[in-house]
Amino acid sequence: MQALIITCWGYATVVFWIVLLAPSLVMMIRKQISRCVAHTEIPAEWPLVSVIVPAKDEAETIEVTLNSLLASDYPRLEIIAVNDRSADETGPIMERVAAEAAQDEKASMQVIHIEELPSDWMGKSHAMHQAAQCANGELLLFTDGDIIFTPHAISSAVRIFLHKQLDHLCLLPQLARGGLIEMAFITFFGFLLTGGTFLWLVPTRWTLGYIGIGAFNLVRTSVYQAVGGFETIKLDVLDDIKLGKLIKYHHYRQDFYLGIEELKVRWQPSAWGVITGVEKNSFASFHYSIIRVTLATLAFILFFLAPFIVPFLFPLPQTIGFLISVVLLHLCYAAIAVLFSSGLRVTPFLFFASLALAFAIWRSAWITLKNGGVRWRDTIYPLDVLKKNLY
């Protein structure tokens, strides 16, 4: 009886990962925007795009981001940079870049300075909300202050957007290369994104298949206004993802593409930075519930850790399914590493990266509960308030 249970468990694990990973991975391989844009037409009239760039204490990266946007080949671009209560040189840098852009007659650029945060808003959501109210574009592009755009990134995205008659389009960026362990950790987040968000369901009408990417959320202004924009999710930590959920819930058309040749980001500056960088979002993704985190951990043990451990405890004929799972997991991890430009060098670190993520999630839960809320960029958001405002 024990042998039968172990054998069935092993093959069930294989089926679990094939169902979870294969459809999304195939779709990611097919949906590289640099390949797909060739099958679209150049619009007779380009819509005005308002690019909204919120930044708080981003002095190290904001100038490169803004200059990459100003170098865009998109013919009708409005850039709105938002200095959200920065204590460093972010604001002055924005003003200087805007002044230089005006002298060179580049794309229209304006700077908004926010001095105070209302008590009923998250900082970034409030910054994007304020900018959206000033925007004139038919399309709104929400991005981050550390993203580097290629000159054709926005024009390629808009061509896809118009060709497919979308209301919301996300691009997944390339990860700028860092240390080996850092890249292994980040690749595992891509691994979870592939399996955990049901990417193949995003273009469908199923409302639970949704996506939002902070690096590139392109949405029709009319749709953004119709769903209530960030005011609807103003105290939700996962602002980018929840914007996607909000749009999909109202049955608007949504899709995603890989923008690995169009966008680049250095997500975190080190391996430990990856762990601390998810401190704000990890526990929030489980609705601040220890029960949910515990159930997710149990599933992680049963379907991820078990294939690496069980073959050492039982005879080979009983554990073939687990061994197939290990090979399958490494192949998928390697494919994701190649897609996101991490390189095959990270493949052997899959198991270690998975443990690091589990630690990061429980660390996020412990810190959030200990602090009675989420502390982010020198602002504390009480836990009871965040729970009441989950979308």
Protein backbone atom coordinates (compact mmCIF):
# COMPACT_ATOMS: atom_id res chain seq x y z
CA MET A 1 0.00 0.00 0.00
CA GLN A 2 2.82 2.40 0.88
CA ALA A 3 4.55 1.69 -2.42
CA LEU A 4 1.35 2.47 -4.33
CA ILE A 5 0.87 5.77 -2.49
CA ILE A 6 4.47 6.86 -3.18
CA THR A 7 4.20 5.88 -6.85
CA CYS A 8 0.88 7.70 -7.35
CA TRP A 9 2.18 10.75 -5.51
CA GLY A 10 5.20 10.88 -7.82
CA TYR A 11 3.20 10.71 -11.04
CA ALA A 12 0.60 13.14 -9.67
CA THR A 13 3.49 15.58 -9.15
CA VAL A 14 4.49 15.21 -12.80
CA VAL A 15 0.93 15.97 -13.93
CA PHE A 16 0.72 18.90 -11.49
CA TRP A 17 3.78 20.62 -12.95
CA ILE A 18 2.92 19.89 -16.56
CA VAL A 19 -0.53 21.47 -16.14
CA LEU A 20 0.86 24.41 -14.16
CA LEU A 21 3.91 25.23 -16.27
CA ALA A 22 3.64 23.90 -19.81
CA PRO A 23 0.79 26.09 -21.21
CA SER A 24 2.23 29.31 -19.76
CA LEU A 25 5.77 28.50 -20.87
CA VAL A 26 4.66 27.75 -24.43
CA MET A 27 2.72 31.02 -24.51
CA MET A 28 5.72 32.99 -23.20
CA ILE A 29 7.96 31.53 -25.90
CA ARG A 30 5.42 32.44 -28.59
CA LYS A 31 4.66 35.95 -27.29
CA GLN A 32 7.95 37.79 -27.63
CA ILE A 33 6.88 41.23 -28.79
CA SER A 34 9.93 41.74 -31.00
CA ARG A 35 8.75 38.81 -33.14
CA CYS A 36 5.03 39.50 -33.01
CA VAL A 37 5.14 43.20 -33.91
CA ALA A 38 6.19 42.36 -37.48
CA HIS A 39 2.71 40.92 -38.04
CA THR A 40 0.99 44.22 -37.17
CA GLU A 41 0.40 47.30 -39.27
CA ILE A 42 1.77 50.79 -38.63
CA PRO A 43 -1.18 52.96 -37.50
CA ALA A 44 -2.33 55.78 -39.77
CA GLU A 45 -2.61 57.93 -36.65
CA TRP A 46 -0.73 57.20 -33.44
CA PRO A 47 -2.67 57.80 -30.19
CA LEU A 48 -1.14 60.16 -27.65
CA VAL A 49 0.52 58.13 -24.89
CA SER A 50 0.99 59.60 -21.41
CA VAL A 51 3.88 57.85 -19.66
CA ILE A 52 3.58 58.12 -15.88
CA VAL A 53 6.82 57.63 -13.94
CA PRO A 54 6.43 57.75 -10.13
CA ALA A 55 9.66 57.84 -8.13
CA LYS A 56 10.60 58.17 -4.49
CA ASP A 57 14.30 58.41 -3.69
CA GLU A 58 15.31 57.06 -7.10
CA ALA A 59 18.19 59.48 -7.76
CA GLU A 60 20.49 56.67 -8.89
CA THR A 61 18.22 55.48 -11.71
CA ILE A 62 15.62 58.12 -12.60
CA GLU A 63 17.77 60.11 -15.05
CA VAL A 64 18.58 57.03 -17.13
CA THR A 65 14.91 56.03 -17.18
CA LEU A 66 13.68 59.47 -18.25
CA ASN A 67 16.37 59.85 -20.91
CA SER A 68 15.51 56.43 -22.34
CA LEU A 69 11.89 57.58 -22.63
CA LEU A 70 12.92 60.86 -24.24
CA ALA A 71 14.92 58.87 -26.80
CA SER A 72 11.79 56.96 -27.83
CA ASP A 73 10.87 56.90 -31.51
CA TYR A 74 7.19 57.10 -30.59
CA PRO A 75 5.78 60.18 -32.37
CA ARG A 76 3.21 61.34 -29.77
CA LEU A 77 4.54 61.02 -26.24
CA GLU A 78 3.76 62.89 -23.04
CA ILE A 79 5.98 62.10 -20.04
CA ILE A 80 4.76 62.87 -16.53
CA ALA A 81 7.42 62.35 -13.86
CA VAL A 82 6.19 62.32 -10.28
CA ASN A 83 8.56 63.15 -7.43
CA ASP A 84 6.83 61.46 -4.52
CA ARG A 85 8.21 63.04 -1.32
CA SER A 86 11.83 62.19 -2.17
CA ALA A 87 14.52 63.03 0.35
CA ASP A 88 17.33 62.71 -2.21
CA GLU A 89 17.99 64.49 -5.52
CA THR A 90 15.17 62.79 -7.44
CA GLY A 91 13.13 66.00 -7.78
CA PRO A 92 15.99 68.26 -8.99
CA ILE A 93 17.12 65.58 -11.46
CA MET A 94 13.59 65.37 -12.89
CA GLU A 95 13.46 69.17 -13.28
CA ARG A 96 16.84 69.27 -14.98
CA VAL A 97 15.93 66.49 -17.44
CA ALA A 98 12.62 68.24 -18.21
CA ALA A 99 14.43 71.54 -18.87
CA GLU A 100 16.93 69.85 -21.18
CA ALA A 101 14.10 68.09 -23.01
CA ALA A 102 12.30 71.40 -23.55
CA GLN A 103 15.46 73.00 -25.00
CA ASP A 104 16.03 70.09 -27.38
CA GLU A 105 12.33 70.02 -28.34
CA LYS A 106 12.03 66.37 -27.41
CA ALA A 107 8.84 64.72 -26.18
CA SER A 108 6.63 66.77 -23.88
CA MET A 109 7.65 66.32 -20.24
CA GLN A 110 6.30 67.73 -17.01
CA VAL A 111 7.22 67.15 -13.37
CA ILE A 112 4.80 66.87 -10.45
CA HIS A 113 6.07 67.23 -6.89
CA ILE A 114 4.12 65.60 -4.06
CA GLU A 115 4.95 66.89 -0.59
CA GLU A 116 2.37 65.07 1.56
CA LEU A 117 0.68 61.68 1.43
CA PRO A 118 -3.02 61.46 2.40
CA SER A 119 -3.62 58.96 5.21
CA ASP A 120 -5.94 56.83 3.07
CA TRP A 121 -3.51 56.23 0.18
CA MET A 122 -0.45 54.12 -0.59
CA GLY A 123 2.36 56.38 -1.77
CA LYS A 124 2.95 54.98 -5.25
CA SER A 125 -0.76 54.61 -6.02
CA HIS A 126 -1.35 58.21 -4.95
CA ALA A 127 1.50 59.44 -7.15
CA MET A 128 0.15 57.59 -10.20
CA HIS A 129 -3.39 58.79 -9.46
CA GLN A 130 -2.28 62.42 -9.35
CA ALA A 131 -0.39 62.07 -12.62
CA ALA A 132 -3.29 60.31 -14.34
CA GLN A 133 -5.54 63.25 -13.51
CA CYS A 134 -3.14 65.55 -15.37
CA ALA A 135 -2.62 63.25 -18.35
CA ASN A 136 -3.94 64.13 -21.81
CA GLY A 137 -3.20 60.86 -23.57
CA GLU A 138 -5.66 58.39 -25.05
CA LEU A 139 -3.44 55.72 -23.51
CA LEU A 140 -1.76 55.70 -20.09
CA LEU A 141 1.52 53.88 -19.56
CA PHE A 142 2.39 53.30 -15.89
CA THR A 143 6.03 52.36 -15.33
CA ASP A 144 8.74 52.52 -12.64
CA GLY A 145 11.65 54.84 -12.04
CA ASP A 146 14.29 52.19 -12.74
CA ILE A 147 13.17 50.85 -16.14
CA ILE A 148 15.29 51.37 -19.25
CA PHE A 149 13.32 51.58 -22.52
CA THR A 150 14.72 50.96 -25.98
CA PRO A 151 13.71 53.59 -28.58
CA HIS A 152 11.13 51.28 -30.20
CA ALA A 153 9.64 49.81 -27.00
CA ILE A 154 6.53 52.00 -26.81
CA SER A 155 5.83 52.03 -30.56
CA SER A 156 6.04 48.21 -30.68
CA ALA A 157 3.72 47.88 -27.70
CA VAL A 158 1.17 50.33 -29.12
CA ARG A 159 1.16 48.51 -32.47
CA ILE A 160 0.33 45.25 -30.67
CA PHE A 161 -2.20 47.05 -28.48
CA LEU A 162 -4.08 48.51 -31.45
CA HIS A 163 -3.79 45.42 -33.63
CA LYS A 164 -5.36 43.19 -30.97
CA GLN A 165 -7.86 45.86 -29.90
CA LEU A 166 -6.78 45.59 -26.26
CA ASP A 167 -7.73 47.64 -23.24
CA HIS A 168 -4.71 46.67 -21.12
CA LEU A 169 -1.29 45.38 -22.16
CA CYS A 170 1.61 44.29 -19.93
CA LEU A 171 5.22 43.73 -20.97
CA LEU A 172 7.58 41.55 -18.96
CA PRO A 173 11.05 43.17 -18.87
CA GLN A 174 14.50 41.74 -19.28
CA LEU A 175 16.46 41.35 -16.06
CA ALA A 176 19.79 43.17 -16.14
CA ARG A 177 22.54 40.76 -15.19
CA GLY A 178 23.78 40.70 -11.63
CA GLY A 179 25.50 38.14 -9.43
CA LEU A 180 24.89 34.43 -9.96
CA ILE A 181 22.88 33.83 -6.80
CA GLU A 182 20.92 37.05 -7.31
CA MET A 183 19.95 35.96 -10.83
CA ALA A 184 19.01 32.49 -9.58
CA PHE A 185 16.64 34.01 -7.02
CA ILE A 186 15.07 36.39 -9.54
CA THR A 187 14.66 33.62 -12.12
CA PHE A 188 12.71 31.63 -9.55
CA PHE A 189 10.28 34.53 -9.24
CA GLY A 190 9.85 34.27 -13.00
CA PHE A 191 9.31 30.55 -12.52
CA LEU A 192 6.51 31.26 -10.04
CA LEU A 193 5.01 33.91 -12.31
CA THR A 194 4.91 31.36 -15.12
CA GLY A 195 3.16 28.73 -13.04
CA GLY A 196 1.18 30.80 -10.58
CA THR A 197 -0.61 33.36 -12.75
CA PHE A 198 -2.12 31.03 -15.40
CA LEU A 199 -0.70 33.20 -18.17
CA TRP A 200 -2.52 31.31 -20.92
CA LEU A 201 -5.82 32.47 -19.42
CA VAL A 202 -4.92 36.18 -19.39
CA PRO A 203 -6.22 36.84 -22.96
CA THR A 204 -9.46 34.97 -22.23
CA ARG A 205 -12.62 36.32 -20.62
CA TRP A 206 -12.04 34.34 -17.41
CA THR A 207 -11.78 37.04 -14.74
CA LEU A 208 -9.42 35.04 -12.51
CA GLY A 209 -6.81 34.97 -15.27
CA TYR A 210 -5.27 38.45 -14.95
CA ILE A 211 -1.89 40.15 -14.86
CA GLY A 212 -0.33 43.48 -13.94
CA ILE A 213 3.34 44.44 -14.31
CA GLY A 214 4.71 47.53 -12.59
CA ALA A 215 7.36 47.97 -15.27
CA PHE A 216 4.82 48.31 -18.08
CA ASN A 217 1.06 48.67 -17.61
CA LEU A 218 -0.46 50.21 -20.78
CA VAL A 219 -4.19 50.95 -20.47
CA ARG A 220 -6.82 52.95 -22.31
CA THR A 221 -7.54 56.16 -20.43
CA SER A 222 -11.30 55.65 -20.85
CA VAL A 223 -11.02 52.16 -19.33
CA TYR A 224 -8.83 53.40 -16.47
CA GLN A 225 -11.47 56.02 -15.66
CA ALA A 226 -14.38 53.61 -16.07
CA VAL A 227 -13.00 51.14 -13.49
CA GLY A 228 -12.16 53.90 -10.99
CA GLY A 229 -8.39 53.81 -11.50
CA PHE A 230 -6.06 53.70 -8.53
CA GLU A 231 -8.66 55.31 -6.30
CA THR A 232 -10.41 51.92 -6.24
CA ILE A 233 -7.25 50.17 -5.01
CA LYS A 234 -5.60 53.07 -3.20
CA LEU A 235 -4.61 51.08 -0.11
CA ASP A 236 -3.68 47.81 -1.79
CA VAL A 237 0.04 47.07 -1.62
CA LEU A 238 -0.02 45.12 -4.90
CA ASP A 239 -0.97 48.16 -6.96
CA ASP A 240 0.33 46.90 -10.32
CA ILE A 241 -1.21 43.45 -10.09
CA LYS A 242 -4.47 44.74 -8.66
CA LEU A 243 -4.82 47.24 -11.51
CA GLY A 244 -4.77 44.24 -13.83
CA LYS A 245 -7.29 42.42 -11.65
CA LEU A 246 -9.55 45.48 -11.57
CA ILE A 247 -9.52 45.82 -15.36
CA LYS A 248 -10.10 42.11 -15.95
CA TYR A 249 -12.91 41.98 -13.38
CA HIS A 250 -14.79 44.55 -15.47
CA HIS A 251 -14.41 42.29 -18.53
CA TYR A 252 -12.03 44.46 -20.54
CA ARG A 253 -9.54 42.89 -22.96
CA GLN A 254 -6.15 42.17 -21.46
CA ASP A 255 -2.96 40.53 -22.69
CA PHE A 256 0.77 40.26 -22.01
CA TYR A 257 3.96 39.91 -24.05
CA LEU A 258 7.61 39.40 -23.31
CA GLY A 259 9.39 42.71 -23.74
CA ILE A 260 12.85 41.33 -23.04
CA GLU A 261 14.39 43.21 -25.96
CA GLU A 262 12.46 46.41 -25.23
CA LEU A 263 12.71 46.86 -21.44
CA LYS A 264 15.47 46.28 -18.93
CA VAL A 265 15.52 46.48 -15.15
CA ARG A 266 17.95 45.65 -12.35
CA TRP A 267 15.33 44.47 -9.92
CA GLN A 268 17.51 44.31 -6.82
CA PRO A 269 21.22 45.08 -6.29
CA SER A 270 22.15 41.78 -4.58
CA ALA A 271 20.92 38.33 -3.58
CA TRP A 272 19.98 39.60 -0.12
CA GLY A 273 18.33 42.57 -1.80
CA VAL A 274 16.00 40.16 -3.56
CA ILE A 275 14.97 38.70 -0.19
CA THR A 276 14.35 42.10 1.38
CA GLY A 277 12.83 43.50 -1.81
CA VAL A 278 9.78 41.24 -1.54
CA GLU A 279 9.20 42.17 2.10
CA LYS A 280 6.34 44.52 1.17
CA ASN A 281 4.56 42.29 -1.34
CA SER A 282 5.00 38.66 -0.30
CA PHE A 283 2.65 38.51 2.69
CA ALA A 284 0.22 40.84 0.89
CA SER A 285 -0.08 38.33 -1.95
CA PHE A 286 -1.54 35.90 0.61
CA HIS A 287 -4.03 38.51 1.89
CA TYR A 288 -2.01 38.82 5.12
CA SER A 289 -3.22 35.35 6.14
CA ILE A 290 -0.96 32.92 8.02
CA ILE A 291 -3.38 30.13 7.09
CA ARG A 292 -2.87 30.84 3.38
CA VAL A 293 0.89 31.00 3.76
CA THR A 294 0.84 27.70 5.67
CA LEU A 295 -1.26 25.98 2.98
CA ALA A 296 1.03 27.32 0.27
CA THR A 297 4.03 26.03 2.22
CA LEU A 298 2.42 22.60 2.51
CA ALA A 299 1.84 22.52 -1.27
CA PHE A 300 5.45 23.60 -1.76
CA ILE A 301 6.66 20.70 0.37
CA LEU A 302 4.39 18.11 -1.28
CA PHE A 303 4.96 19.09 -4.91
CA PHE A 304 8.33 20.85 -5.01
CA LEU A 305 10.57 19.70 -2.19
CA ALA A 306 9.34 16.10 -2.22
CA PRO A 307 10.74 15.27 -5.70
CA PHE A 308 14.23 16.23 -4.48
CA ILE A 309 13.99 14.24 -1.23
CA VAL A 310 11.76 11.17 -1.72
CA PRO A 311 14.09 9.38 -4.22
CA PHE A 312 16.69 9.13 -1.43
CA LEU A 313 14.19 7.45 0.92
CA PHE A 314 12.45 4.83 -1.23
CA PRO A 315 13.37 2.27 -3.94
CA LEU A 316 13.81 3.53 -7.51
CA PRO A 317 10.70 1.85 -9.02
CA GLN A 318 8.50 3.79 -6.60
CA THR A 319 10.11 7.18 -7.22
CA ILE A 320 10.36 7.42 -11.02
CA GLY A 321 7.60 10.05 -11.05
CA PHE A 322 9.57 12.22 -8.63
CA LEU A 323 12.73 11.90 -10.72
CA ILE A 324 10.79 12.91 -13.85
CA SER A 325 9.47 15.90 -11.90
CA VAL A 326 13.01 16.99 -10.95
CA VAL A 327 14.11 16.86 -14.60
CA LEU A 328 10.95 18.68 -15.72
CA LEU A 329 11.39 21.41 -13.09
CA HIS A 330 15.00 22.03 -14.11
CA LEU A 331 14.11 22.14 -17.82
CA CYS A 332 11.36 24.70 -17.19
CA TYR A 333 13.60 26.74 -14.89
CA ALA A 334 16.34 26.71 -17.54
CA ALA A 335 13.88 27.81 -20.24
CA ILE A 336 12.70 30.71 -18.07
CA ALA A 337 16.30 31.66 -17.33
CA VAL A 338 17.00 31.88 -21.07
CA LEU A 339 13.80 33.84 -21.76
CA PHE A 340 14.63 36.43 -19.10
CA SER A 341 18.33 36.55 -20.04
CA SER A 342 19.58 35.11 -16.74
CA GLY A 343 21.48 32.40 -18.61
CA LEU A 344 21.69 28.63 -18.14
CA ARG A 345 24.30 29.16 -15.42
CA VAL A 346 21.53 29.53 -12.81
CA THR A 347 19.94 26.13 -13.54
CA PRO A 348 21.77 24.15 -10.80
CA PHE A 349 20.56 26.63 -8.18
CA LEU A 350 16.84 25.88 -8.57
CA PHE A 351 16.49 24.04 -5.25
CA PHE A 352 18.48 26.65 -3.32
CA ALA A 353 16.48 29.49 -4.92
CA SER A 354 13.20 27.84 -3.94
CA LEU A 355 14.26 27.66 -0.29
CA ALA A 356 15.31 31.29 -0.40
CA LEU A 357 11.87 32.30 -1.67
CA ALA A 358 10.10 30.26 1.03
CA PHE A 359 12.28 32.03 3.60
CA ALA A 360 11.47 35.42 2.03
CA ILE A 361 7.72 34.79 2.25
CA TRP A 362 7.82 33.75 5.90
CA ARG A 363 10.20 36.62 6.67
CA SER A 364 7.70 39.02 5.08
CA ALA A 365 4.89 37.57 7.18
CA TRP A 366 6.91 37.76 10.40
CA ILE A 367 8.06 41.36 9.82
CA THR A 368 4.58 42.53 8.82
CA LEU A 369 2.96 40.95 11.88
CA LYS A 370 5.73 42.17 14.20
CA ASN A 371 5.43 45.75 12.91
CA GLY A 372 1.64 45.64 12.84
CA GLY A 373 1.74 46.74 9.22
CA VAL A 374 3.86 47.28 6.13
CA ARG A 375 6.78 49.68 6.27
CA TRP A 376 7.80 50.92 2.84
CA ARG A 377 9.93 53.90 1.86
CA ASP A 378 9.75 55.47 5.34
CA THR A 379 5.95 55.15 5.55
CA ILE A 380 4.11 52.66 7.77
CA TYR A 381 0.70 51.36 6.64
CA PRO A 382 -1.26 49.70 9.53
CA LEU A 383 -2.15 46.06 8.97
CA ASP A 384 -5.81 46.39 9.94
CA VAL A 385 -6.25 49.18 7.39
CA LEU A 386 -4.53 47.16 4.65
CA LYS A 387 -6.71 44.12 5.35
CA LYS A 388 -9.88 46.20 5.10
CA ASN A 389 -8.79 47.65 1.76
CA LEU A 390 -7.73 44.49 -0.05
CA TYR A 391 -9.13 44.28 -3.54
